[in-house]
Amino acid sequence: MTSSTLRRYAGAVLACLLLTACSATGGAPRSTPEGEGAAGTVDTPRLVVAMVSHGAPGDTFWDLVRKGAEDAARKNNIELRYSADPQAPNQENLVRTAIDAHVDGLAVTMPNPDAIGPAARAAIEAGIPTVGLNAGMSRYRDFGLSAFFGQEERAAGTQAGQRLREEGARHVLCIIHEQGNSSQEDRCAGVKEGTQGAEVETLYVNGMDLTSVHSTVQAKLAQDKEIDWIMGLVTPVALTAVDAARAAGSPVKIATFDTNAELVPAIREGDIQFAVDQQPYLQGYMAVDALWLAHRNGSTVGGGRPVYTGPSFVDATNIEVIAEAAGKGLR
């Protein structure tokens, strides 16, 4: 299957979801409600699928991933067991718990492939169809995963950097909110490549503590008046940077990766200049749908190649196009 075919498939799935209208947790897996999961629209045997992500509690990005997964599970008569932990050792344990539970399918993110990949391979060796999503695109084939849904992070960062260069950026602060997450490192490296000459500085913060993010960014902007752009890697951090910039009296412009409903008014009002969207809802939906197909048809989509859900740019020129979908938790 060619890359253009894969993109058409992703677009067709999203169009279907929008036409038919059709939250991240940590610790032990949480299943879809029995009443909802049992009301699948397909006449196929009941399956149990685990999704294990590195989502941090309160991160709205992962709410969108999970909603997509839950909607696909509901459609496909699947009991979805979603669990998450931002710490790699804990995420690995969640994957192995899913293996021990003999689930029928597994979807997993790999922000640290060397830590999570061996556990994913163990699932495959146990006969569990396993796909990847969101993080780990460059390594998922190393561990035998049959499909991957997401965006190529360094390429997305490069496109963002090119956009910043077109906007005249001279000194960019790229904020990494999960230290050790290879996807975020790739984004900032791509931003540096794309700007071609602008200074790109990396700032590490704890994305699970937005109060700390605010104080760290405010202090940095107060210290360095040359910073003219901030590149956030997730919407809550970027929105916190908006408040921090005001507190510091800085005229810095702000962009971000990833979208949620709160981003819509921020772009409308000019607080956020643009966002790089990878469609987290679609990632969750397609990962679960692919696992259903693995049982239904004997293979997943993609032919072993990644299925790209992004990147695309969202700004003042097209924010109204996604506003309704964002309000429904689809973007």
C-alpha atoms as a PDB file:
ATOM      1  CA  MET A   1       0.000   0.000   0.000  1.00  0.00           C
ATOM      2  CA  THR A   2       1.480   3.370  -1.035  1.00  0.00           C
ATOM      3  CA  SER A   3       1.856   6.338   1.294  1.00  0.00           C
ATOM      4  CA  SER A   4      -0.803   8.244  -0.650  1.00  0.00           C
ATOM      5  CA  THR A   5      -3.199   5.323  -0.177  1.00  0.00           C
ATOM      6  CA  LEU A   6      -2.486   5.311   3.546  1.00  0.00           C
ATOM      7  CA  ARG A   7      -3.182   9.017   3.783  1.00  0.00           C
ATOM      8  CA  ARG A   8      -6.444   8.558   1.902  1.00  0.00           C
ATOM      9  CA  TYR A   9      -7.410   5.781   4.307  1.00  0.00           C
ATOM     10  CA  ALA A  10      -6.706   8.026   7.295  1.00  0.00           C
ATOM     11  CA  GLY A  11      -8.726  10.819   5.741  1.00  0.00           C
ATOM     12  CA  ALA A  12     -11.613   8.519   4.915  1.00  0.00           C
ATOM     13  CA  VAL A  13     -11.746   7.186   8.459  1.00  0.00           C
ATOM     14  CA  LEU A  14     -11.773  10.700   9.905  1.00  0.00           C
ATOM     15  CA  ALA A  15     -14.491  11.791   7.475  1.00  0.00           C
ATOM     16  CA  CYS A  16     -16.599   8.814   8.506  1.00  0.00           C
ATOM     17  CA  LEU A  17     -16.150   9.641  12.164  1.00  0.00           C
ATOM     18  CA  LEU A  18     -17.127  13.264  11.696  1.00  0.00           C
ATOM     19  CA  LEU A  19     -20.193  12.437   9.615  1.00  0.00           C
ATOM     20  CA  THR A  20     -21.497   9.795  11.980  1.00  0.00           C
ATOM     21  CA  ALA A  21     -20.370  11.574  15.185  1.00  0.00           C
ATOM     22  CA  CYS A  22     -19.318   8.386  14.133  1.00  0.00           C
ATOM     23  CA  SER A  23      -9.809  11.000  29.712  1.00  0.00           C
ATOM     24  CA  ALA A  24      -5.784   9.902  30.454  1.00  0.00           C
ATOM     25  CA  THR A  25      -5.491   7.696  33.522  1.00  0.00           C
ATOM     26  CA  GLY A  26      -2.568   6.196  35.341  1.00  0.00           C
ATOM     27  CA  GLY A  27      -2.142   2.991  37.236  1.00  0.00           C
ATOM     28  CA  ALA A  28      -4.320  -0.054  36.682  1.00  0.00           C
ATOM     29  CA  PRO A  29      -6.118  -0.477  33.355  1.00  0.00           C
ATOM     30  CA  ARG A  30      -9.610   0.993  33.113  1.00  0.00           C
ATOM     31  CA  SER A  31     -12.118  -0.672  30.809  1.00  0.00           C
ATOM     32  CA  THR A  32     -14.860   0.828  28.708  1.00  0.00           C
ATOM     33  CA  PRO A  33     -18.227   0.653  30.498  1.00  0.00           C
ATOM     34  CA  GLU A  34     -19.762  -2.774  30.010  1.00  0.00           C
ATOM     35  CA  GLY A  35     -23.023  -1.387  28.698  1.00  0.00           C
ATOM     36  CA  GLU A  36     -21.291   0.753  26.095  1.00  0.00           C
ATOM     37  CA  GLY A  37     -18.714  -1.801  25.002  1.00  0.00           C
ATOM     38  CA  ALA A  38     -21.321  -4.512  24.537  1.00  0.00           C
ATOM     39  CA  ALA A  39     -23.333  -2.360  22.144  1.00  0.00           C
ATOM     40  CA  GLY A  40     -20.958  -2.797  19.212  1.00  0.00           C
ATOM     41  CA  THR A  41     -22.282  -2.260  15.723  1.00  0.00           C
ATOM     42  CA  VAL A  42     -20.480  -5.291  14.296  1.00  0.00           C
ATOM     43  CA  ASP A  43     -21.600  -8.879  14.578  1.00  0.00           C
ATOM     44  CA  THR A  44     -18.236 -10.306  15.578  1.00  0.00           C
ATOM     45  CA  PRO A  45     -17.027 -12.075  18.733  1.00  0.00           C
ATOM     46  CA  ARG A  46     -16.309  -9.996  21.819  1.00  0.00           C
ATOM     47  CA  LEU A  47     -12.621  -9.072  22.091  1.00  0.00           C
ATOM     48  CA  VAL A  48     -10.502  -7.553  24.845  1.00  0.00           C
ATOM     49  CA  VAL A  49      -7.922  -4.978  23.736  1.00  0.00           C
ATOM     50  CA  ALA A  50      -5.416  -3.184  25.951  1.00  0.00           C
ATOM     51  CA  MET A  51      -4.027   0.244  25.152  1.00  0.00           C
ATOM     52  CA  VAL A  52      -1.006   1.304  27.180  1.00  0.00           C
ATOM     53  CA  SER A  53       0.274   4.853  26.735  1.00  0.00           C
ATOM     54  CA  HIS A  54       2.766   7.168  28.380  1.00  0.00           C
ATOM     55  CA  GLY A  55       0.109   9.833  28.910  1.00  0.00           C
ATOM     56  CA  ALA A  56       0.419  11.911  32.053  1.00  0.00           C
ATOM     57  CA  PRO A  57      -2.609  12.483  34.296  1.00  0.00           C
ATOM     58  CA  GLY A  58      -4.527  15.591  33.262  1.00  0.00           C
ATOM     59  CA  ASP A  59      -2.949  15.819  29.798  1.00  0.00           C
ATOM     60  CA  THR A  60      -5.884  16.585  27.490  1.00  0.00           C
ATOM     61  CA  PHE A  61      -4.029  15.219  24.463  1.00  0.00           C
ATOM     62  CA  TRP A  62      -4.431  11.717  25.853  1.00  0.00           C
ATOM     63  CA  ASP A  63      -8.103  12.283  26.516  1.00  0.00           C
ATOM     64  CA  LEU A  64      -8.465  12.609  22.733  1.00  0.00           C
ATOM     65  CA  VAL A  65      -6.438   9.460  22.057  1.00  0.00           C
ATOM     66  CA  ARG A  66      -8.537   7.561  24.537  1.00  0.00           C
ATOM     67  CA  LYS A  67     -11.829   8.869  23.176  1.00  0.00           C
ATOM     68  CA  GLY A  68     -10.884   7.677  19.708  1.00  0.00           C
ATOM     69  CA  ALA A  69      -9.943   4.259  21.094  1.00  0.00           C
ATOM     70  CA  GLU A  70     -13.190   4.021  23.044  1.00  0.00           C
ATOM     71  CA  ASP A  71     -15.309   4.945  20.025  1.00  0.00           C
ATOM     72  CA  ALA A  72     -13.603   2.295  17.897  1.00  0.00           C
ATOM     73  CA  ALA A  73     -14.013  -0.256  20.694  1.00  0.00           C
ATOM     74  CA  ARG A  74     -17.705   0.519  20.978  1.00  0.00           C
ATOM     75  CA  LYS A  75     -18.180   0.100  17.232  1.00  0.00           C
ATOM     76  CA  ASN A  76     -16.237  -3.154  17.096  1.00  0.00           C
ATOM     77  CA  ASN A  77     -17.703  -4.926  20.158  1.00  0.00           C
ATOM     78  CA  ILE A  78     -14.409  -4.616  22.033  1.00  0.00           C
ATOM     79  CA  GLU A  79     -13.747  -4.232  25.719  1.00  0.00           C
ATOM     80  CA  LEU A  80     -11.021  -1.601  25.874  1.00  0.00           C
ATOM     81  CA  ARG A  81      -8.644  -1.630  28.832  1.00  0.00           C
ATOM     82  CA  TYR A  82      -6.806   1.682  28.808  1.00  0.00           C
ATOM     83  CA  SER A  83      -3.923   2.430  31.158  1.00  0.00           C
ATOM     84  CA  ALA A  84      -1.103   4.945  31.178  1.00  0.00           C
ATOM     85  CA  ASP A  85       2.004   5.988  33.034  1.00  0.00           C
ATOM     86  CA  PRO A  86       4.605   8.592  31.963  1.00  0.00           C
ATOM     87  CA  GLN A  87       7.418   6.655  33.656  1.00  0.00           C
ATOM     88  CA  ALA A  88       8.935   4.058  31.318  1.00  0.00           C
ATOM     89  CA  PRO A  89       9.422   1.275  33.937  1.00  0.00           C
ATOM     90  CA  ASN A  90       5.803   1.639  35.038  1.00  0.00           C
ATOM     91  CA  GLN A  91       4.545   1.679  31.464  1.00  0.00           C
ATOM     92  CA  GLU A  92       6.523  -1.476  30.755  1.00  0.00           C
ATOM     93  CA  ASN A  93       4.877  -3.140  33.761  1.00  0.00           C
ATOM     94  CA  LEU A  94       1.450  -2.187  32.420  1.00  0.00           C
ATOM     95  CA  VAL A  95       2.299  -3.835  29.091  1.00  0.00           C
ATOM     96  CA  ARG A  96       3.389  -7.015  30.836  1.00  0.00           C
ATOM     97  CA  THR A  97       0.212  -6.953  32.927  1.00  0.00           C
ATOM     98  CA  ALA A  98      -1.782  -6.895  29.698  1.00  0.00           C
ATOM     99  CA  ILE A  99       0.206  -9.860  28.417  1.00  0.00           C
ATOM    100  CA  ASP A 100      -0.468 -11.804  31.621  1.00  0.00           C
ATOM    101  CA  ALA A 101      -4.177 -11.031  31.213  1.00  0.00           C
ATOM    102  CA  HIS A 102      -4.098 -12.735  27.762  1.00  0.00           C
ATOM    103  CA  VAL A 103      -5.742  -9.809  25.980  1.00  0.00           C
ATOM    104  CA  ASP A 104      -6.737 -10.254  22.340  1.00  0.00           C
ATOM    105  CA  GLY A 105      -4.823  -7.208  21.135  1.00  0.00           C
ATOM    106  CA  LEU A 106      -2.409  -4.542  22.347  1.00  0.00           C
ATOM    107  CA  ALA A 107      -1.808  -0.939  21.271  1.00  0.00           C
ATOM    108  CA  VAL A 108       1.227   0.717  22.812  1.00  0.00           C
ATOM    109  CA  THR A 109       3.193   3.958  22.662  1.00  0.00           C
ATOM    110  CA  MET A 110       6.996   3.831  22.794  1.00  0.00           C
ATOM    111  CA  PRO A 111       8.467   7.169  23.908  1.00  0.00           C
ATOM    112  CA  ASN A 112      11.466   5.152  25.093  1.00  0.00           C
ATOM    113  CA  PRO A 113      11.720   2.259  22.607  1.00  0.00           C
ATOM    114  CA  ASP A 114      14.574   0.520  24.398  1.00  0.00           C
ATOM    115  CA  ALA A 115      12.477   0.311  27.571  1.00  0.00           C
ATOM    116  CA  ILE A 116       9.036  -0.436  26.091  1.00  0.00           C
ATOM    117  CA  GLY A 117       9.973  -2.268  22.893  1.00  0.00           C
ATOM    118  CA  PRO A 118      11.073  -5.569  24.500  1.00  0.00           C
ATOM    119  CA  ALA A 119       7.769  -5.790  26.385  1.00  0.00           C
ATOM    120  CA  ALA A 120       5.875  -5.168  23.147  1.00  0.00           C
ATOM    121  CA  ARG A 121       7.902  -7.921  21.485  1.00  0.00           C
ATOM    122  CA  ALA A 122       6.998 -10.247  24.345  1.00  0.00           C
ATOM    123  CA  ALA A 123       3.330  -9.607  23.599  1.00  0.00           C
ATOM    124  CA  ILE A 124       3.846 -10.565  19.962  1.00  0.00           C
ATOM    125  CA  GLU A 125       5.724 -13.698  20.989  1.00  0.00           C
ATOM    126  CA  ALA A 126       2.745 -14.546  23.197  1.00  0.00           C
ATOM    127  CA  GLY A 127       0.528 -14.439  20.118  1.00  0.00           C
ATOM    128  CA  ILE A 128      -1.066 -11.050  20.823  1.00  0.00           C
ATOM    129  CA  PRO A 129      -1.493  -8.776  17.769  1.00  0.00           C
ATOM    130  CA  THR A 130       0.321  -5.569  18.661  1.00  0.00           C
ATOM    131  CA  VAL A 131       0.388  -2.140  17.031  1.00  0.00           C
ATOM    132  CA  GLY A 132       2.056   1.138  17.914  1.00  0.00           C
ATOM    133  CA  LEU A 133       0.795   4.675  18.010  1.00  0.00           C
ATOM    134  CA  ASN A 134       1.961   8.224  18.669  1.00  0.00           C
ATOM    135  CA  ALA A 135       5.536   7.610  19.845  1.00  0.00           C
ATOM    136  CA  GLY A 136       8.165   5.250  18.501  1.00  0.00           C
ATOM    137  CA  MET A 137       7.617   5.427  14.737  1.00  0.00           C
ATOM    138  CA  SER A 138      11.326   5.155  13.972  1.00  0.00           C
ATOM    139  CA  ARG A 139      11.708   1.922  15.959  1.00  0.00           C
ATOM    140  CA  TYR A 140       8.399   0.007  15.947  1.00  0.00           C
ATOM    141  CA  ARG A 141       9.512  -2.408  13.236  1.00  0.00           C
ATOM    142  CA  ASP A 142      12.589  -3.307  15.323  1.00  0.00           C
ATOM    143  CA  PHE A 143      10.257  -5.006  17.804  1.00  0.00           C
ATOM    144  CA  GLY A 144       7.890  -6.631  15.330  1.00  0.00           C
ATOM    145  CA  LEU A 145       4.824  -4.395  15.700  1.00  0.00           C
ATOM    146  CA  SER A 146       2.527  -4.863  12.713  1.00  0.00           C
ATOM    147  CA  ALA A 147       1.378  -1.249  12.272  1.00  0.00           C
ATOM    148  CA  PHE A 148       1.935   2.272  13.540  1.00  0.00           C
ATOM    149  CA  PHE A 149      -0.345   5.315  13.614  1.00  0.00           C
ATOM    150  CA  GLY A 150       1.069   8.792  14.121  1.00  0.00           C
ATOM    151  CA  GLN A 151       3.404  11.353  12.638  1.00  0.00           C
ATOM    152  CA  GLU A 152       7.130  11.376  11.936  1.00  0.00           C
ATOM    153  CA  GLU A 153       8.210  13.664  14.742  1.00  0.00           C
ATOM    154  CA  ARG A 154      11.467  15.012  13.336  1.00  0.00           C
ATOM    155  CA  ALA A 155       9.797  15.749   9.995  1.00  0.00           C
ATOM    156  CA  ALA A 156       6.934  17.480  11.816  1.00  0.00           C
ATOM    157  CA  GLY A 157       9.458  19.532  13.780  1.00  0.00           C
ATOM    158  CA  THR A 158      11.255  20.473  10.568  1.00  0.00           C
ATOM    159  CA  GLN A 159       8.006  21.717   9.036  1.00  0.00           C
ATOM    160  CA  ALA A 160       7.291  23.723  12.185  1.00  0.00           C
ATOM    161  CA  GLY A 161      10.795  25.188  12.008  1.00  0.00           C
ATOM    162  CA  GLN A 162      10.275  26.169   8.382  1.00  0.00           C
ATOM    163  CA  ARG A 163       7.056  27.914   9.391  1.00  0.00           C
ATOM    164  CA  LEU A 164       8.926  29.768  12.148  1.00  0.00           C
ATOM    165  CA  ARG A 165      11.597  30.839   9.648  1.00  0.00           C
ATOM    166  CA  GLU A 166       8.880  32.198   7.345  1.00  0.00           C
ATOM    167  CA  GLU A 167       7.494  34.121  10.333  1.00  0.00           C
ATOM    168  CA  GLY A 168      10.911  35.715  10.899  1.00  0.00           C
ATOM    169  CA  ALA A 169      11.872  33.874  14.105  1.00  0.00           C
ATOM    170  CA  ARG A 170      15.381  34.627  15.351  1.00  0.00           C
ATOM    171  CA  HIS A 171      15.554  33.004  18.809  1.00  0.00           C
ATOM    172  CA  VAL A 172      13.194  30.096  19.527  1.00  0.00           C
ATOM    173  CA  LEU A 173      12.629  28.490  22.917  1.00  0.00           C
ATOM    174  CA  CYS A 174      11.543  24.866  22.403  1.00  0.00           C
ATOM    175  CA  ILE A 175       9.941  23.543  25.592  1.00  0.00           C
ATOM    176  CA  ILE A 176      10.268  19.815  26.338  1.00  0.00           C
ATOM    177  CA  HIS A 177       7.800  18.761  29.022  1.00  0.00           C
ATOM    178  CA  GLU A 178       8.779  15.061  29.336  1.00  0.00           C
ATOM    179  CA  GLN A 179      12.511  14.622  29.764  1.00  0.00           C
ATOM    180  CA  GLY A 180      13.671  11.350  28.177  1.00  0.00           C
ATOM    181  CA  ASN A 181      10.843  11.286  25.610  1.00  0.00           C
ATOM    182  CA  SER A 182      12.599  10.679  22.292  1.00  0.00           C
ATOM    183  CA  SER A 183       9.638  12.026  20.296  1.00  0.00           C
ATOM    184  CA  GLN A 184       9.928  15.423  21.959  1.00  0.00           C
ATOM    185  CA  GLU A 185      13.670  15.531  21.440  1.00  0.00           C
ATOM    186  CA  ASP A 186      13.049  14.763  17.748  1.00  0.00           C
ATOM    187  CA  ARG A 187      10.538  17.603  17.485  1.00  0.00           C
ATOM    188  CA  CYS A 188      12.960  20.179  18.858  1.00  0.00           C
ATOM    189  CA  ALA A 189      15.791  18.822  16.696  1.00  0.00           C
ATOM    190  CA  GLY A 190      13.507  19.151  13.678  1.00  0.00           C
ATOM    191  CA  VAL A 191      12.602  22.721  14.657  1.00  0.00           C
ATOM    192  CA  LYS A 192      16.302  23.575  14.693  1.00  0.00           C
ATOM    193  CA  GLU A 193      16.803  22.032  11.251  1.00  0.00           C
ATOM    194  CA  GLY A 194      13.801  23.823   9.806  1.00  0.00           C
ATOM    195  CA  THR A 195      14.684  27.310  11.023  1.00  0.00           C
ATOM    196  CA  GLN A 196      18.041  27.136   9.214  1.00  0.00           C
ATOM    197  CA  GLY A 197      20.087  29.601  11.178  1.00  0.00           C
ATOM    198  CA  ALA A 198      17.826  30.871  13.928  1.00  0.00           C
ATOM    199  CA  GLU A 199      18.949  30.115  17.454  1.00  0.00           C
ATOM    200  CA  VAL A 200      16.884  27.268  18.922  1.00  0.00           C
ATOM    201  CA  GLU A 201      17.249  26.713  22.650  1.00  0.00           C
ATOM    202  CA  THR A 202      15.734  23.806  24.562  1.00  0.00           C
ATOM    203  CA  LEU A 203      14.071  24.323  27.934  1.00  0.00           C
ATOM    204  CA  TYR A 204      13.113  21.308  30.066  1.00  0.00           C
ATOM    205  CA  VAL A 205      10.079  21.555  32.334  1.00  0.00           C
ATOM    206  CA  ASN A 206       7.850  19.186  34.262  1.00  0.00           C
ATOM    207  CA  GLY A 207       4.655  19.061  32.216  1.00  0.00           C
ATOM    208  CA  MET A 208       2.754  17.448  35.092  1.00  0.00           C
ATOM    209  CA  ASP A 209       3.239  20.601  37.201  1.00  0.00           C
ATOM    210  CA  LEU A 210       1.927  23.579  35.216  1.00  0.00           C
ATOM    211  CA  THR A 211       2.566  25.944  38.113  1.00  0.00           C
ATOM    212  CA  SER A 212       6.236  25.049  37.881  1.00  0.00           C
ATOM    213  CA  VAL A 213       6.102  25.395  34.087  1.00  0.00           C
ATOM    214  CA  HIS A 214       4.716  28.920  34.493  1.00  0.00           C
ATOM    215  CA  SER A 215       7.443  30.043  36.889  1.00  0.00           C
ATOM    216  CA  THR A 216      10.242  28.438  34.838  1.00  0.00           C
ATOM    217  CA  VAL A 217       9.104  29.994  31.556  1.00  0.00           C
ATOM    218  CA  GLN A 218       8.459  33.381  33.168  1.00  0.00           C
ATOM    219  CA  ALA A 219      11.950  33.406  34.676  1.00  0.00           C
ATOM    220  CA  LYS A 220      13.532  32.416  31.359  1.00  0.00           C
ATOM    221  CA  LEU A 221      11.726  35.162  29.454  1.00  0.00           C
ATOM    222  CA  ALA A 222      12.626  37.744  32.088  1.00  0.00           C
ATOM    223  CA  GLN A 223      16.261  36.675  31.857  1.00  0.00           C
ATOM    224  CA  ASP A 224      16.579  36.511  28.062  1.00  0.00           C
ATOM    225  CA  LYS A 225      14.864  39.331  26.181  1.00  0.00           C
ATOM    226  CA  GLU A 226      16.125  38.021  22.819  1.00  0.00           C
ATOM    227  CA  ILE A 227      13.647  35.123  22.757  1.00  0.00           C
ATOM    228  CA  ASP A 228      11.006  36.034  20.178  1.00  0.00           C
ATOM    229  CA  TRP A 229       9.183  32.688  19.747  1.00  0.00           C
ATOM    230  CA  ILE A 230       8.191  29.825  22.012  1.00  0.00           C
ATOM    231  CA  MET A 231       7.513  26.397  20.524  1.00  0.00           C
ATOM    232  CA  GLY A 232       5.448  24.288  22.920  1.00  0.00           C
ATOM    233  CA  LEU A 233       5.107  20.569  22.342  1.00  0.00           C
ATOM    234  CA  VAL A 234       1.632  20.201  23.833  1.00  0.00           C
ATOM    235  CA  THR A 235      -1.258  22.646  24.183  1.00  0.00           C
ATOM    236  CA  PRO A 236      -1.481  22.902  28.020  1.00  0.00           C
ATOM    237  CA  VAL A 237       2.196  23.861  28.213  1.00  0.00           C
ATOM    238  CA  ALA A 238       1.808  26.386  25.387  1.00  0.00           C
ATOM    239  CA  LEU A 239      -1.227  27.967  27.058  1.00  0.00           C
ATOM    240  CA  THR A 240       0.710  28.160  30.318  1.00  0.00           C
ATOM    241  CA  ALA A 241       3.511  29.874  28.386  1.00  0.00           C
ATOM    242  CA  VAL A 242       0.981  32.493  27.228  1.00  0.00           C
ATOM    243  CA  ASP A 243       0.284  33.415  30.861  1.00  0.00           C
ATOM    244  CA  ALA A 244       3.981  33.284  31.736  1.00  0.00           C
ATOM    245  CA  ALA A 245       4.839  35.640  28.880  1.00  0.00           C
ATOM    246  CA  ARG A 246       2.245  38.152  30.088  1.00  0.00           C
ATOM    247  CA  ALA A 247       3.621  37.957  33.615  1.00  0.00           C
ATOM    248  CA  ALA A 248       7.138  38.552  32.285  1.00  0.00           C
ATOM    249  CA  GLY A 249       6.013  41.437  30.094  1.00  0.00           C
ATOM    250  CA  SER A 250       7.422  39.644  27.049  1.00  0.00           C
ATOM    251  CA  PRO A 251       6.097  40.217  23.505  1.00  0.00           C
ATOM    252  CA  VAL A 252       7.154  36.673  22.551  1.00  0.00           C
ATOM    253  CA  LYS A 253       4.967  34.816  20.022  1.00  0.00           C
ATOM    254  CA  ILE A 254       3.872  31.262  20.810  1.00  0.00           C
ATOM    255  CA  ALA A 255       3.154  28.183  18.720  1.00  0.00           C
ATOM    256  CA  THR A 256       2.541  24.588  19.739  1.00  0.00           C
ATOM    257  CA  PHE A 257       2.256  21.012  18.687  1.00  0.00           C
ATOM    258  CA  ASP A 258      -1.053  19.210  19.188  1.00  0.00           C
ATOM    259  CA  THR A 259      -4.548  20.545  19.636  1.00  0.00           C
ATOM    260  CA  ASN A 260      -7.517  20.449  21.986  1.00  0.00           C
ATOM    261  CA  ALA A 261     -10.715  22.421  22.513  1.00  0.00           C
ATOM    262  CA  GLU A 262      -8.922  25.103  24.571  1.00  0.00           C
ATOM    263  CA  LEU A 263      -6.688  25.853  21.589  1.00  0.00           C
ATOM    264  CA  VAL A 264      -9.611  27.134  19.496  1.00  0.00           C
ATOM    265  CA  PRO A 265     -10.190  30.420  21.383  1.00  0.00           C
ATOM    266  CA  ALA A 266      -6.435  30.849  21.899  1.00  0.00           C
ATOM    267  CA  ILE A 267      -5.858  30.859  18.140  1.00  0.00           C
ATOM    268  CA  ARG A 268      -8.945  32.990  17.488  1.00  0.00           C
ATOM    269  CA  GLU A 269      -7.675  35.607  19.942  1.00  0.00           C
ATOM    270  CA  GLY A 270      -4.079  35.478  18.689  1.00  0.00           C
ATOM    271  CA  ASP A 271      -2.569  34.070  21.887  1.00  0.00           C
ATOM    272  CA  ILE A 272      -1.309  31.046  19.930  1.00  0.00           C
ATOM    273  CA  GLN A 273      -0.123  31.725  16.390  1.00  0.00           C
ATOM    274  CA  PHE A 274      -0.374  28.199  15.029  1.00  0.00           C
ATOM    275  CA  ALA A 275      -0.433  24.540  16.023  1.00  0.00           C
ATOM    276  CA  VAL A 276       0.968  21.386  14.444  1.00  0.00           C
ATOM    277  CA  ASP A 277      -1.823  18.818  14.549  1.00  0.00           C
ATOM    278  CA  GLN A 278      -1.323  15.041  14.486  1.00  0.00           C
ATOM    279  CA  GLN A 279      -4.953  14.074  15.201  1.00  0.00           C
ATOM    280  CA  PRO A 280      -4.706  12.126  18.469  1.00  0.00           C
ATOM    281  CA  TYR A 281      -8.348  10.993  18.261  1.00  0.00           C
ATOM    282  CA  LEU A 282      -7.597   9.350  14.931  1.00  0.00           C
ATOM    283  CA  GLN A 283      -4.498   7.642  16.330  1.00  0.00           C
ATOM    284  CA  GLY A 284      -6.505   5.999  19.101  1.00  0.00           C
ATOM    285  CA  TYR A 285      -9.375   5.086  16.796  1.00  0.00           C
ATOM    286  CA  MET A 286      -7.241   3.547  14.063  1.00  0.00           C
ATOM    287  CA  ALA A 287      -5.054   1.587  16.484  1.00  0.00           C
ATOM    288  CA  VAL A 288      -8.075  -0.207  17.968  1.00  0.00           C
ATOM    289  CA  ASP A 289      -9.718  -0.584  14.555  1.00  0.00           C
ATOM    290  CA  ALA A 290      -6.528  -2.199  13.215  1.00  0.00           C
ATOM    291  CA  LEU A 291      -6.524  -4.750  16.024  1.00  0.00           C
ATOM    292  CA  TRP A 292     -10.135  -5.649  15.233  1.00  0.00           C
ATOM    293  CA  LEU A 293      -9.091  -6.093  11.589  1.00  0.00           C
ATOM    294  CA  ALA A 294      -6.228  -8.341  12.688  1.00  0.00           C
ATOM    295  CA  HIS A 295      -8.798 -10.765  14.090  1.00  0.00           C
ATOM    296  CA  ARG A 296     -11.392 -10.192  11.384  1.00  0.00           C
ATOM    297  CA  ASN A 297      -9.159 -10.281   8.313  1.00  0.00           C
ATOM    298  CA  GLY A 298      -5.909 -11.744   9.583  1.00  0.00           C
ATOM    299  CA  SER A 299      -3.872  -8.589   9.012  1.00  0.00           C
ATOM    300  CA  THR A 300      -3.751  -4.916   9.991  1.00  0.00           C
ATOM    301  CA  VAL A 301      -3.606  -1.893   7.702  1.00  0.00           C
ATOM    302  CA  GLY A 302      -0.451  -0.258   6.418  1.00  0.00           C
ATOM    303  CA  GLY A 303       1.421  -3.213   5.012  1.00  0.00           C
ATOM    304  CA  GLY A 304       4.043  -2.812   7.715  1.00  0.00           C
ATOM    305  CA  ARG A 305       4.510   0.875   6.923  1.00  0.00           C
ATOM    306  CA  PRO A 306       3.355   3.702   9.210  1.00  0.00           C
ATOM    307  CA  VAL A 307      -0.039   5.300   8.661  1.00  0.00           C
ATOM    308  CA  TYR A 308       0.411   9.063   8.943  1.00  0.00           C
ATOM    309  CA  THR A 309      -2.207  11.070  10.855  1.00  0.00           C
ATOM    310  CA  GLY A 310      -0.213  14.318  10.587  1.00  0.00           C
ATOM    311  CA  PRO A 311       1.300  16.804  10.572  1.00  0.00           C
ATOM    312  CA  SER A 312      -0.974  19.618   9.437  1.00  0.00           C
ATOM    313  CA  PHE A 313      -1.056  23.266  10.470  1.00  0.00           C
ATOM    314  CA  VAL A 314      -3.944  24.895  12.322  1.00  0.00           C
ATOM    315  CA  ASP A 315      -4.027  28.692  12.476  1.00  0.00           C
ATOM    316  CA  ALA A 316      -6.414  31.628  12.202  1.00  0.00           C
ATOM    317  CA  THR A 317      -7.124  30.822   8.546  1.00  0.00           C
ATOM    318  CA  ASN A 318      -8.616  27.373   9.229  1.00  0.00           C
ATOM    319  CA  ILE A 319      -9.430  27.193  12.945  1.00  0.00           C
ATOM    320  CA  GLU A 320     -13.168  27.292  12.238  1.00  0.00           C
ATOM    321  CA  VAL A 321     -12.837  24.141  10.116  1.00  0.00           C
ATOM    322  CA  ILE A 322     -11.839  22.074  13.151  1.00  0.00           C
ATOM    323  CA  ALA A 323     -13.635  24.058  15.859  1.00  0.00           C
ATOM    324  CA  GLU A 324     -16.767  21.858  15.904  1.00  0.00           C
ATOM    325  CA  ALA A 325     -14.733  18.650  15.864  1.00  0.00           C
ATOM    326  CA  ALA A 326     -12.522  19.973  18.682  1.00  0.00           C
ATOM    327  CA  GLY A 327     -15.604  20.741  20.735  1.00  0.00           C
ATOM    328  CA  LYS A 328     -16.734  17.131  20.328  1.00  0.00           C
ATOM    329  CA  GLY A 329     -13.342  15.768  21.355  1.00  0.00           C
ATOM    330  CA  LEU A 330     -12.448  14.621  17.845  1.00  0.00           C
ATOM    331  CA  ARG A 331      -9.458  16.978  17.315  1.00  0.00           C
END
